[in-house]
N, C-alpha and C. Protein backbone atom coordinates (compact mmCIF):
# COMPACT_ATOMS: atom_id res chain seq x y z
N UNK A 1 48.43 34.49 -107.45
CA UNK A 1 48.36 35.46 -106.57
C UNK A 1 47.08 36.40 -107.01
N UNK A 2 46.68 36.29 -108.24
CA UNK A 2 45.67 37.13 -108.74
C UNK A 2 44.06 36.28 -108.19
N UNK A 3 43.92 35.29 -107.47
CA UNK A 3 42.96 34.76 -107.15
C UNK A 3 42.01 35.53 -106.36
N UNK A 4 40.65 35.87 -106.41
CA UNK A 4 39.76 36.20 -105.30
C UNK A 4 39.57 35.33 -104.56
N UNK A 5 39.12 35.71 -103.12
CA UNK A 5 38.83 35.00 -102.25
C UNK A 5 37.57 35.46 -101.47
N UNK A 6 36.70 34.87 -101.12
CA UNK A 6 35.43 35.71 -100.29
C UNK A 6 35.25 34.52 -98.94
N UNK A 7 34.64 35.31 -97.89
CA UNK A 7 34.30 34.63 -96.68
C UNK A 7 33.27 33.44 -97.08
N UNK A 8 33.41 32.58 -96.03
CA UNK A 8 32.36 31.39 -96.22
C UNK A 8 31.79 31.10 -94.89
N UNK A 9 30.59 30.64 -94.59
CA UNK A 9 30.00 30.34 -93.21
C UNK A 9 30.74 29.09 -92.87
N UNK A 10 30.99 29.14 -91.65
CA UNK A 10 31.57 28.10 -90.95
C UNK A 10 30.61 27.12 -90.44
N UNK A 11 29.47 27.56 -89.89
CA UNK A 11 28.42 26.65 -89.37
C UNK A 11 27.27 26.91 -90.01
N UNK A 12 26.25 26.06 -90.04
CA UNK A 12 24.97 26.41 -90.47
C UNK A 12 24.51 27.37 -89.59
N UNK A 13 23.31 27.95 -89.50
CA UNK A 13 22.55 28.53 -88.50
C UNK A 13 22.16 27.76 -87.27
N UNK A 14 21.79 26.62 -87.70
CA UNK A 14 21.53 25.51 -86.75
C UNK A 14 22.61 24.95 -85.67
N UNK A 15 23.87 24.77 -86.65
CA UNK A 15 25.03 24.58 -86.05
C UNK A 15 25.38 25.64 -85.14
N UNK A 16 25.50 26.96 -85.69
CA UNK A 16 25.38 27.93 -84.46
C UNK A 16 24.85 27.92 -83.37
N UNK A 17 23.66 27.41 -83.06
CA UNK A 17 22.69 27.51 -82.18
C UNK A 17 23.26 26.51 -81.28
N UNK A 18 23.58 25.36 -81.78
CA UNK A 18 24.28 24.19 -81.15
C UNK A 18 25.48 24.55 -80.42
N UNK A 19 26.30 25.21 -81.15
CA UNK A 19 27.54 25.69 -80.52
C UNK A 19 27.41 26.72 -79.35
N UNK A 20 26.45 27.90 -79.69
CA UNK A 20 26.24 28.74 -78.62
C UNK A 20 25.49 27.81 -77.20
N UNK A 21 24.87 26.98 -77.39
CA UNK A 21 24.18 26.22 -76.46
C UNK A 21 25.08 25.45 -75.60
N UNK A 22 26.31 24.79 -76.35
CA UNK A 22 27.13 24.15 -75.77
C UNK A 22 28.17 25.14 -75.02
N UNK A 23 28.37 26.35 -75.50
CA UNK A 23 29.08 27.21 -74.68
C UNK A 23 28.65 27.51 -73.40
N UNK A 24 27.11 27.68 -73.57
CA UNK A 24 26.39 28.35 -72.36
C UNK A 24 26.35 27.15 -71.32
N UNK A 25 26.45 25.85 -71.74
CA UNK A 25 26.18 24.74 -70.80
C UNK A 25 27.45 24.45 -70.18
N UNK A 26 28.60 24.40 -71.00
CA UNK A 26 29.92 24.27 -70.38
C UNK A 26 30.00 25.26 -69.22
N UNK A 27 29.76 26.55 -69.21
CA UNK A 27 29.72 27.51 -68.46
C UNK A 27 28.96 27.39 -67.33
N UNK A 28 27.71 27.09 -67.67
CA UNK A 28 26.73 26.56 -66.48
C UNK A 28 27.07 25.40 -65.76
N UNK A 29 27.66 24.53 -66.21
CA UNK A 29 27.77 23.15 -65.56
C UNK A 29 29.07 23.28 -64.88
N UNK A 30 29.96 24.44 -65.14
CA UNK A 30 31.24 24.77 -64.38
C UNK A 30 32.37 23.87 -64.87
N UNK A 31 32.16 23.52 -66.21
CA UNK A 31 33.31 22.64 -66.86
C UNK A 31 34.50 23.87 -67.31
N UNK A 32 35.45 23.15 -67.16
CA UNK A 32 36.60 24.10 -67.82
C UNK A 32 37.19 23.84 -69.27
N UNK A 33 36.26 23.13 -69.92
CA UNK A 33 36.26 23.04 -71.43
C UNK A 33 36.06 23.90 -72.30
N UNK A 34 36.60 23.81 -73.47
CA UNK A 34 36.54 24.82 -74.47
C UNK A 34 35.85 24.32 -75.57
N UNK A 35 35.01 24.95 -76.32
CA UNK A 35 34.13 24.81 -77.36
C UNK A 35 34.76 24.92 -78.48
N UNK A 36 35.01 24.17 -79.88
CA UNK A 36 35.43 24.35 -80.89
C UNK A 36 34.65 24.18 -81.99
N UNK A 37 34.53 24.76 -83.21
CA UNK A 37 33.81 24.27 -84.36
C UNK A 37 34.34 23.37 -85.50
N UNK A 38 34.25 22.82 -86.11
CA UNK A 38 34.39 22.09 -87.68
C UNK A 38 35.85 21.77 -87.23
N UNK A 39 36.02 20.71 -86.33
CA UNK A 39 37.54 20.22 -86.19
C UNK A 39 37.82 19.08 -87.09
N UNK A 40 38.77 19.03 -87.51
CA UNK A 40 39.27 17.68 -88.37
C UNK A 40 39.71 16.73 -87.51
N UNK A 41 39.25 15.41 -87.86
CA UNK A 41 39.62 14.33 -87.11
C UNK A 41 41.00 13.98 -87.29
N UNK A 42 41.65 14.42 -88.43
CA UNK A 42 43.09 14.02 -88.48
C UNK A 42 43.87 14.90 -87.78
N UNK A 43 43.34 16.00 -87.03
CA UNK A 43 44.12 16.76 -85.88
C UNK A 43 43.90 16.06 -84.63
N UNK A 44 42.73 15.58 -84.33
CA UNK A 44 42.51 14.95 -82.87
C UNK A 44 42.39 13.41 -82.65
N UNK A 45 42.83 12.43 -83.84
CA UNK A 45 42.81 11.25 -83.80
C UNK A 45 44.20 10.70 -84.41
N UNK A 46 44.63 9.59 -83.85
CA UNK A 46 45.92 8.90 -84.47
C UNK A 46 45.69 7.48 -84.84
N UNK A 47 46.45 6.88 -85.64
CA UNK A 47 45.99 5.27 -85.54
C UNK A 47 47.56 5.17 -86.33
N UNK A 48 48.05 3.74 -85.76
CA UNK A 48 48.94 3.17 -86.30
C UNK A 48 48.69 2.57 -87.90
N UNK A 49 47.48 2.39 -88.08
CA UNK A 49 46.98 1.74 -89.43
C UNK A 49 46.89 3.07 -90.34
N UNK A 50 47.63 3.18 -91.45
CA UNK A 50 47.55 4.32 -92.70
C UNK A 50 46.08 4.29 -93.09
N UNK A 51 45.64 3.12 -93.27
CA UNK A 51 44.29 3.08 -93.89
C UNK A 51 43.19 3.46 -93.08
N UNK A 52 43.17 3.18 -91.65
CA UNK A 52 42.25 3.60 -90.58
C UNK A 52 42.42 5.33 -90.53
N UNK A 53 43.85 5.75 -90.49
CA UNK A 53 43.62 7.23 -90.23
C UNK A 53 43.31 7.87 -91.58
N UNK A 54 43.44 7.04 -92.89
CA UNK A 54 43.04 7.74 -94.08
C UNK A 54 41.47 7.99 -94.12
N UNK A 55 40.92 7.01 -93.77
CA UNK A 55 39.45 6.96 -93.53
C UNK A 55 38.79 8.10 -92.62
N UNK A 56 39.47 8.62 -91.69
CA UNK A 56 38.97 9.72 -90.79
C UNK A 56 39.78 11.10 -90.99
N UNK A 57 40.83 11.14 -91.56
CA UNK A 57 41.59 12.11 -91.77
C UNK A 57 40.79 13.46 -92.19
N UNK A 58 40.33 13.50 -93.19
CA UNK A 58 39.48 14.50 -93.67
C UNK A 58 38.04 14.91 -93.19
N UNK A 59 37.57 14.04 -92.51
CA UNK A 59 36.38 14.18 -91.81
C UNK A 59 36.36 14.87 -90.60
N UNK A 60 35.21 15.74 -90.35
CA UNK A 60 35.19 16.68 -89.38
C UNK A 60 33.87 16.54 -88.38
N UNK A 61 34.10 16.96 -87.18
CA UNK A 61 33.01 17.07 -86.22
C UNK A 61 32.53 18.72 -86.30
N UNK A 62 31.14 18.62 -86.04
CA UNK A 62 30.59 19.87 -85.95
C UNK A 62 31.16 20.74 -84.85
N UNK A 63 31.27 20.26 -83.58
CA UNK A 63 31.64 20.75 -82.62
C UNK A 63 32.40 19.94 -81.51
N UNK A 64 33.46 20.23 -81.11
CA UNK A 64 34.44 19.52 -80.24
C UNK A 64 34.59 20.18 -79.09
N UNK A 65 34.36 19.45 -78.11
CA UNK A 65 35.04 20.10 -76.65
C UNK A 65 36.24 19.46 -76.06
N UNK A 66 37.16 20.34 -75.66
CA UNK A 66 38.35 19.85 -75.31
C UNK A 66 38.60 20.35 -73.67
N UNK A 67 39.47 19.50 -73.18
CA UNK A 67 39.48 19.84 -71.79
C UNK A 67 40.73 20.95 -71.71
N UNK A 68 40.89 21.33 -70.35
CA UNK A 68 42.03 22.37 -70.24
C UNK A 68 43.30 21.94 -70.54
N UNK A 69 43.51 20.55 -70.91
CA UNK A 69 44.84 20.00 -71.13
C UNK A 69 44.87 19.81 -72.65
N UNK A 70 43.92 20.36 -73.27
CA UNK A 70 43.98 20.21 -75.09
C UNK A 70 43.54 19.04 -75.52
N UNK A 71 43.30 18.06 -74.56
CA UNK A 71 42.63 16.64 -75.13
C UNK A 71 41.22 16.66 -75.40
N UNK A 72 40.95 16.03 -76.67
CA UNK A 72 39.34 16.16 -77.15
C UNK A 72 38.56 15.29 -75.92
N UNK A 73 37.42 15.68 -75.65
CA UNK A 73 36.75 14.96 -74.75
C UNK A 73 35.07 14.72 -75.45
N UNK A 74 34.39 15.41 -75.90
CA UNK A 74 33.30 15.29 -76.40
C UNK A 74 33.06 15.97 -77.87
N UNK A 75 32.51 15.26 -78.86
CA UNK A 75 32.41 15.52 -80.21
C UNK A 75 30.94 15.73 -80.03
N UNK A 76 30.20 16.73 -80.73
CA UNK A 76 28.77 16.75 -80.67
C UNK A 76 28.56 17.05 -82.21
N UNK A 77 27.58 16.24 -82.79
CA UNK A 77 27.32 16.43 -84.17
C UNK A 77 25.78 16.69 -84.16
N UNK A 78 25.37 18.00 -85.13
CA UNK A 78 24.17 18.14 -85.41
C UNK A 78 23.49 17.46 -86.75
N UNK A 79 22.53 16.99 -86.39
CA UNK A 79 22.00 15.94 -87.51
C UNK A 79 20.70 16.75 -87.82
N UNK A 80 20.80 17.58 -88.91
CA UNK A 80 19.54 18.43 -89.20
C UNK A 80 18.63 17.66 -90.05
N UNK A 81 17.56 18.33 -90.52
CA UNK A 81 16.37 17.51 -90.87
C UNK A 81 17.02 16.98 -92.28
N UNK A 82 17.98 17.34 -93.28
CA UNK A 82 18.34 16.58 -94.34
C UNK A 82 19.45 16.09 -94.30
N UNK A 83 20.08 15.61 -93.25
CA UNK A 83 21.28 15.22 -92.88
C UNK A 83 21.29 13.78 -93.33
N UNK A 84 20.46 12.69 -93.44
CA UNK A 84 20.62 11.39 -93.51
C UNK A 84 20.42 11.18 -95.26
N UNK A 85 21.06 11.92 -96.06
CA UNK A 85 20.97 11.84 -97.19
C UNK A 85 22.38 11.01 -97.90
N UNK A 86 22.11 10.34 -98.92
CA UNK A 86 23.34 9.50 -99.42
C UNK A 86 24.01 8.75 -98.42
N UNK A 87 25.08 8.78 -98.49
CA UNK A 87 26.30 7.84 -97.76
C UNK A 87 26.29 8.62 -96.31
N UNK A 88 25.54 9.67 -95.61
CA UNK A 88 25.94 10.36 -94.47
C UNK A 88 25.90 9.30 -93.46
N UNK A 89 25.08 8.66 -93.41
CA UNK A 89 24.90 7.50 -92.18
C UNK A 89 26.08 6.67 -92.35
N UNK A 90 26.55 6.07 -93.34
CA UNK A 90 27.94 5.49 -93.06
C UNK A 90 29.05 6.20 -92.70
N UNK A 91 28.92 7.40 -93.23
CA UNK A 91 30.12 8.41 -92.86
C UNK A 91 30.52 8.84 -91.41
N UNK A 92 29.02 8.92 -90.89
CA UNK A 92 28.82 9.17 -89.48
C UNK A 92 29.33 7.83 -88.50
N UNK A 93 28.79 6.74 -89.17
CA UNK A 93 29.35 5.57 -88.34
C UNK A 93 30.77 5.52 -88.04
N UNK A 94 31.28 5.68 -89.19
CA UNK A 94 33.01 5.65 -89.16
C UNK A 94 33.61 6.70 -87.99
N UNK A 95 32.95 7.77 -88.46
CA UNK A 95 33.24 8.89 -87.34
C UNK A 95 33.26 8.48 -85.78
N UNK A 96 31.83 7.91 -85.64
CA UNK A 96 31.44 7.64 -84.19
C UNK A 96 32.41 6.54 -83.55
N UNK A 97 32.52 5.45 -84.50
CA UNK A 97 33.38 4.42 -84.17
C UNK A 97 34.98 4.85 -83.72
N UNK A 98 35.39 5.76 -84.59
CA UNK A 98 36.85 6.30 -84.61
C UNK A 98 36.85 6.80 -83.04
N UNK A 99 35.82 7.86 -83.14
CA UNK A 99 35.91 8.53 -81.74
C UNK A 99 35.84 7.66 -80.25
N UNK A 100 34.60 6.65 -80.60
CA UNK A 100 34.68 5.52 -79.39
C UNK A 100 35.84 5.04 -79.08
N UNK A 101 36.74 4.71 -80.18
CA UNK A 101 37.98 3.89 -79.95
C UNK A 101 38.99 4.70 -79.32
N UNK A 102 38.76 5.90 -79.85
CA UNK A 102 39.75 7.10 -79.01
C UNK A 102 39.42 7.53 -77.51
N UNK A 103 38.28 7.09 -77.31
CA UNK A 103 37.92 7.48 -75.87
C UNK A 103 37.20 9.11 -75.62
N UNK A 104 36.68 9.51 -77.14
CA UNK A 104 36.11 10.70 -77.00
C UNK A 104 34.47 10.28 -77.14
N UNK A 105 33.98 11.01 -76.18
CA UNK A 105 32.48 10.65 -76.14
C UNK A 105 31.79 11.43 -77.62
N UNK A 106 30.56 10.90 -77.78
CA UNK A 106 29.98 11.55 -79.13
C UNK A 106 28.32 11.57 -78.56
N UNK A 107 27.91 12.89 -78.93
CA UNK A 107 26.61 13.40 -78.66
C UNK A 107 25.89 13.63 -80.02
N UNK A 108 24.85 13.42 -80.12
CA UNK A 108 23.87 13.69 -81.32
C UNK A 108 22.98 14.71 -80.91
N UNK A 109 22.85 15.56 -81.60
CA UNK A 109 21.77 16.93 -81.61
C UNK A 109 20.81 16.78 -82.73
N UNK A 110 19.65 16.67 -82.59
CA UNK A 110 18.72 16.81 -83.64
C UNK A 110 17.69 17.79 -83.51
N UNK A 111 17.00 18.50 -84.50
CA UNK A 111 16.27 19.61 -84.42
C UNK A 111 15.16 19.43 -83.63
N UNK A 112 14.85 18.15 -83.00
CA UNK A 112 13.90 17.93 -82.01
C UNK A 112 13.98 18.17 -80.51
N UNK A 113 15.41 18.24 -80.39
CA UNK A 113 15.99 18.51 -78.90
C UNK A 113 16.00 20.05 -78.85
N UNK A 114 15.71 20.26 -77.15
CA UNK A 114 15.87 21.20 -76.83
C UNK A 114 17.11 21.54 -76.62
N UNK A 115 18.01 22.12 -77.39
CA UNK A 115 19.51 22.17 -77.48
C UNK A 115 20.17 22.14 -76.00
N UNK A 116 19.75 23.24 -75.27
CA UNK A 116 20.64 23.49 -74.01
C UNK A 116 20.08 22.38 -73.06
N UNK A 117 18.94 22.06 -72.91
CA UNK A 117 18.66 20.95 -72.06
C UNK A 117 19.42 19.56 -72.33
N UNK A 118 19.21 19.11 -73.69
CA UNK A 118 19.88 18.10 -74.19
C UNK A 118 21.43 18.19 -73.80
N UNK A 119 22.02 18.95 -74.10
CA UNK A 119 23.49 19.26 -73.96
C UNK A 119 23.77 19.13 -72.42
N UNK A 120 22.78 19.97 -71.70
CA UNK A 120 23.12 19.96 -70.12
C UNK A 120 23.09 18.45 -69.65
N UNK A 121 22.03 17.74 -70.05
CA UNK A 121 22.04 16.24 -69.58
C UNK A 121 23.09 15.56 -70.01
N UNK A 122 23.73 15.51 -71.27
CA UNK A 122 24.49 14.59 -71.71
C UNK A 122 25.80 15.11 -71.31
N UNK A 123 26.03 16.63 -71.19
CA UNK A 123 27.71 17.07 -70.69
C UNK A 123 27.68 16.77 -69.44
N UNK A 124 26.82 16.68 -68.42
CA UNK A 124 26.76 16.44 -67.16
C UNK A 124 27.27 15.05 -67.15
N UNK A 125 26.40 14.10 -67.61
CA UNK A 125 26.50 12.68 -67.60
C UNK A 125 28.22 12.30 -68.10
N UNK A 126 28.50 12.86 -69.03
CA UNK A 126 29.79 12.68 -69.63
C UNK A 126 30.90 13.09 -68.52
N UNK A 127 30.87 14.40 -67.99
CA UNK A 127 31.60 14.86 -66.98
C UNK A 127 31.77 14.02 -65.81
N UNK A 128 30.85 13.37 -65.38
CA UNK A 128 30.81 12.47 -64.24
C UNK A 128 31.43 11.40 -64.75
N UNK A 129 31.60 10.86 -65.72
CA UNK A 129 32.14 9.43 -66.11
C UNK A 129 33.71 9.75 -66.42
N UNK A 130 34.17 10.87 -66.89
CA UNK A 130 35.49 11.09 -67.22
C UNK A 130 36.39 11.22 -65.89
N UNK A 131 37.75 10.91 -66.30
CA UNK A 131 38.55 10.81 -65.23
C UNK A 131 38.68 12.36 -64.63
N UNK A 132 39.09 13.00 -63.59
CA UNK A 132 39.07 14.15 -62.93
C UNK A 132 39.64 15.16 -63.98
N UNK A 133 41.03 14.74 -64.50
CA UNK A 133 41.63 15.61 -65.51
C UNK A 133 40.88 16.14 -66.52
N UNK A 134 40.04 15.30 -66.94
CA UNK A 134 39.18 15.81 -68.32
C UNK A 134 37.91 16.37 -67.98
N UNK A 135 37.51 16.23 -66.67
CA UNK A 135 36.11 16.43 -66.04
C UNK A 135 36.43 18.06 -65.60
N UNK A 136 37.76 18.37 -65.40
CA UNK A 136 37.90 19.79 -64.86
C UNK A 136 37.76 20.84 -65.95
């Protein structure tokens, strides 16, 4: 009970820019999706295989878009300039495959992208491919 706490930033400054761009694009495209940050895969994915679930349980996606039904629709990952250090590529591959198998779209954003332009194109494409209940 005597421990001190301090605030920590939830997103890097660039992740926050992507988050803000995603919110604007969702509104402009007319999607009824909600934008969330730093969502644990253990909260949005399930597997009957305990080892498979353990492999993703503590991983997070930078940004998650959910339908009005609460179902996850799109995971957005910001791949900054220093992202692919160490085992990051392998960790991302596990996330990407688990999301794909669960039917959640995966969008990568890099510093080279115009965030709003890239997300407008990708989210419009994904919304057109999703069943009506998730695209609304």
